Structures are given as C-alpha cells and as structure tokens.
Amino acid sequence: MLKKYGKLMLSAIMSGLLLISVSATHAADKSFADTKIVLQISDPNPFKQTLVLNVANNIIKHYGQDQVDIEIVAFGPGLRLLMEGNANTDRISSLSSSGVKFSACGNTQKAMSKKLGHMPKMNPKAVTVGAGVVRIIDLTNKGYILIKP
C-alpha cells in the first residue's frame, strides 16, 4: 500500500513539475512583441502542415522575428507535424531558432499511445501542453490572434 502511494505521489510531483516547465518554457519571451499569433494545426494532411509552417515564416518575414510572437499548437491528427521523423523537422528547427514556439497536445499523445502501444516520440522543439485546444484558448485570452490555415 505504501509503495503504491509513493508511486502515486511521485507521479503527481512529476506532473506538477512538467506543468511548471511548460509554463516557464512558454513564458512571454516576447512580451514586447506588437503582434502575437497562435497557429492551429489539427489536420493530418502534409499540405496543411507545410502551409502552417509557411504562414509562420511569412509572418516573420513581414513583421521581423523580434516584433512578432508566434506559437504553433498541434492537436488531433495535426499532432503528426510535431512527431519525431516528420518530413518538416528541419523547417521546425529553423522556425524554432527564429523564436517560433511549438506546442503538442498531451491529450492527443495519450490517445495515440493507446493505439500505438507506446507514447509517440515528439520533435525535441515541441513542448507538451495538457490540451491543445485549452492552450489556444489561453493564448487568445492573452491577446493572441488565432489563425487556422
């Protein structure tokens, strides 16, 4: 009983630390940015995945990477964009170095793990958030403009 309780406590502590880590990683690095954009990707279509990355790149070109804060949130079938080995890995890395943040839905990862038999491996540039939709709501409440290419 004590052993089971200890594992439960450790799991709760680790979950709390993950949430703190996510909050710190997604802290307003660019709170000074005039333009704040959240891009939603929930479509598995490779064309849509490329499109969302193109939109992020075009926004950076127009406003300048220091004047815009962009976060791409992937959930549902769109999570495939942020899975390890996706064809867009180099573009994600490049956009990340330009300040674009990538959020991967934890709920979708859990659902996929049931089908796969293991948790899907995510791109190292992606940060797991509890729920992609909730992340979008939180960002729009903070003044981010939602774009769904």
Protein backbone atom coordinates (compact mmCIF):
# COMPACT_ATOMS: atom_id res chain seq x y z
CA MET A 1 0.00 0.00 0.00
CA LEU A 2 2.78 2.41 0.97
CA LYS A 3 4.73 1.50 -2.18
CA LYS A 4 1.69 2.25 -4.35
CA TYR A 5 1.09 5.56 -2.51
CA GLY A 6 4.74 6.54 -3.04
CA LYS A 7 4.47 5.91 -6.78
CA LEU A 8 1.28 7.95 -6.90
CA MET A 9 2.95 10.85 -5.09
CA LEU A 10 5.98 10.70 -7.37
CA SER A 11 3.69 10.75 -10.41
CA ALA A 12 1.80 13.77 -9.06
CA ILE A 13 5.03 15.63 -8.33
CA MET A 14 6.42 14.87 -11.80
CA SER A 15 3.16 16.08 -13.42
CA GLY A 16 3.36 19.29 -11.44
CA LEU A 17 6.97 19.83 -12.47
CA LEU A 18 6.04 19.23 -16.11
CA LEU A 19 3.35 21.91 -15.92
CA ILE A 20 5.77 24.35 -14.30
CA SER A 21 8.32 23.53 -17.00
CA VAL A 22 5.75 24.09 -19.75
CA SER A 23 4.76 27.42 -18.23
CA ALA A 24 8.37 28.52 -17.96
CA THR A 25 9.19 27.41 -21.50
CA HIS A 26 6.16 29.19 -22.88
CA ALA A 27 6.66 32.26 -20.73
CA ALA A 28 6.30 35.53 -22.59
CA ASP A 29 9.81 35.61 -24.06
CA LYS A 30 8.49 38.19 -26.49
CA SER A 31 6.11 40.08 -24.23
CA PHE A 32 7.28 43.23 -26.03
CA ALA A 33 6.11 41.92 -29.42
CA ASP A 34 3.45 44.05 -31.08
CA THR A 35 1.88 41.11 -32.88
CA LYS A 36 1.03 37.79 -31.21
CA ILE A 37 -0.17 34.89 -33.32
CA VAL A 38 -1.27 31.35 -32.50
CA LEU A 39 -1.42 28.99 -35.47
CA GLN A 40 -3.61 25.90 -35.17
CA ILE A 41 -2.78 22.63 -36.90
CA SER A 42 -5.32 19.87 -36.43
CA ASP A 43 -5.20 18.36 -39.91
CA PRO A 44 -3.02 15.34 -40.83
CA ASN A 45 -2.65 16.49 -44.43
CA PRO A 46 1.05 17.13 -45.22
CA PHE A 47 -0.03 20.09 -47.38
CA LYS A 48 -1.72 21.71 -44.36
CA GLN A 49 1.37 21.03 -42.23
CA THR A 50 3.58 22.74 -44.79
CA LEU A 51 1.07 25.57 -45.09
CA VAL A 52 1.10 26.31 -41.35
CA LEU A 53 4.91 26.47 -41.41
CA ASN A 54 4.82 28.71 -44.50
CA VAL A 55 2.38 31.05 -42.77
CA ALA A 56 4.68 31.30 -39.73
CA ASN A 57 7.65 32.02 -41.99
CA ASN A 58 5.73 34.67 -43.95
CA ILE A 59 4.62 36.41 -40.75
CA ILE A 60 8.22 36.53 -39.52
CA LYS A 61 9.39 37.94 -42.86
CA HIS A 62 6.72 40.64 -42.76
CA TYR A 63 6.99 41.76 -39.12
CA GLY A 64 10.54 40.67 -38.25
CA GLN A 65 11.30 37.91 -35.78
CA ASP A 66 11.76 40.36 -32.88
CA GLN A 67 8.41 42.07 -33.45
CA VAL A 68 6.13 39.02 -33.57
CA ASP A 69 5.41 36.20 -31.13
CA ILE A 70 4.23 33.01 -32.86
CA GLU A 71 3.15 29.71 -31.36
CA ILE A 72 2.03 26.71 -33.39
CA VAL A 73 -0.34 24.43 -31.48
CA ALA A 74 -0.84 20.90 -32.81
CA PHE A 75 -3.61 18.58 -31.69
CA GLY A 76 -5.71 15.73 -33.03
CA PRO A 77 -4.43 14.42 -36.37
CA GLY A 78 -2.33 17.60 -36.72
CA LEU A 79 -0.03 16.33 -33.96
CA ARG A 80 1.77 14.37 -36.69
CA LEU A 81 3.54 17.61 -37.62
CA LEU A 82 5.39 17.52 -34.30
CA MET A 83 6.12 13.82 -34.21
CA GLU A 84 9.73 12.74 -34.43
CA GLY A 85 10.72 11.95 -38.01
CA ASN A 86 8.17 14.24 -39.69
CA ALA A 87 9.39 15.47 -43.09
CA ASN A 88 9.29 19.07 -41.76
CA THR A 89 11.80 18.50 -38.94
CA ASP A 90 14.41 20.87 -40.41
CA ARG A 91 11.84 23.61 -41.00
CA ILE A 92 10.58 23.26 -37.43
CA SER A 93 14.14 23.60 -36.16
CA SER A 94 14.72 26.67 -38.32
CA LEU A 95 11.48 28.34 -37.22
CA SER A 96 12.25 27.50 -33.61
CA SER A 97 15.60 29.28 -33.92
CA SER A 98 13.60 32.29 -35.17
CA GLY A 99 11.57 32.24 -31.95
CA VAL A 100 8.52 30.23 -33.03
CA LYS A 101 7.20 28.01 -30.22
CA PHE A 102 5.64 24.61 -30.83
CA SER A 103 3.03 23.07 -28.51
CA ALA A 104 1.98 19.43 -28.72
CA CYS A 105 -1.32 18.32 -27.20
CA GLY A 106 -0.83 15.89 -24.32
CA ASN A 107 -4.38 14.56 -24.64
CA THR A 108 -3.74 13.60 -28.27
CA GLN A 109 -0.45 11.96 -27.30
CA LYS A 110 -2.25 9.84 -24.68
CA ALA A 111 -4.94 8.84 -27.20
CA MET A 112 -2.29 7.91 -29.78
CA SER A 113 -0.37 5.88 -27.19
CA LYS A 114 -3.39 3.62 -26.73
CA LYS A 115 -3.39 2.84 -30.46
CA LEU A 116 0.40 2.61 -30.79
CA GLY A 117 1.05 0.77 -27.55
CA HIS A 118 3.56 3.47 -26.51
CA MET A 119 3.76 7.24 -26.28
CA PRO A 120 4.59 8.82 -29.63
CA LYS A 121 8.02 10.45 -29.78
CA MET A 122 7.83 14.20 -30.26
CA ASN A 123 10.15 16.59 -32.02
CA PRO A 124 12.58 17.94 -29.39
CA LYS A 125 11.47 21.50 -30.26
CA ALA A 126 7.89 20.71 -29.20
CA VAL A 127 6.66 21.30 -25.66
CA THR A 128 3.81 19.12 -24.44
CA VAL A 129 0.82 21.01 -23.08
CA GLY A 130 -2.16 19.45 -21.33
CA ALA A 131 -4.70 20.12 -24.08
CA GLY A 132 -4.03 21.86 -27.37
CA VAL A 133 -7.46 23.47 -27.50
CA VAL A 134 -7.06 24.85 -23.98
CA ARG A 135 -3.64 26.24 -24.94
CA ILE A 136 -5.24 28.07 -27.86
CA ILE A 137 -7.99 29.46 -25.61
CA ASP A 138 -5.41 30.64 -23.07
CA LEU A 139 -3.35 32.37 -25.75
CA THR A 140 -6.35 34.07 -27.37
CA ASN A 141 -7.39 35.30 -23.91
CA LYS A 142 -3.92 36.88 -23.68
CA GLY A 143 -4.44 38.77 -26.94
CA TYR A 144 -3.04 36.30 -29.47
CA ILE A 145 -4.75 36.22 -32.86
CA LEU A 146 -5.85 32.70 -33.87
CA ILE A 147 -5.10 31.66 -37.45
CA LYS A 148 -6.22 28.28 -38.80
CA PRO A 149 -4.58 27.90 -42.24
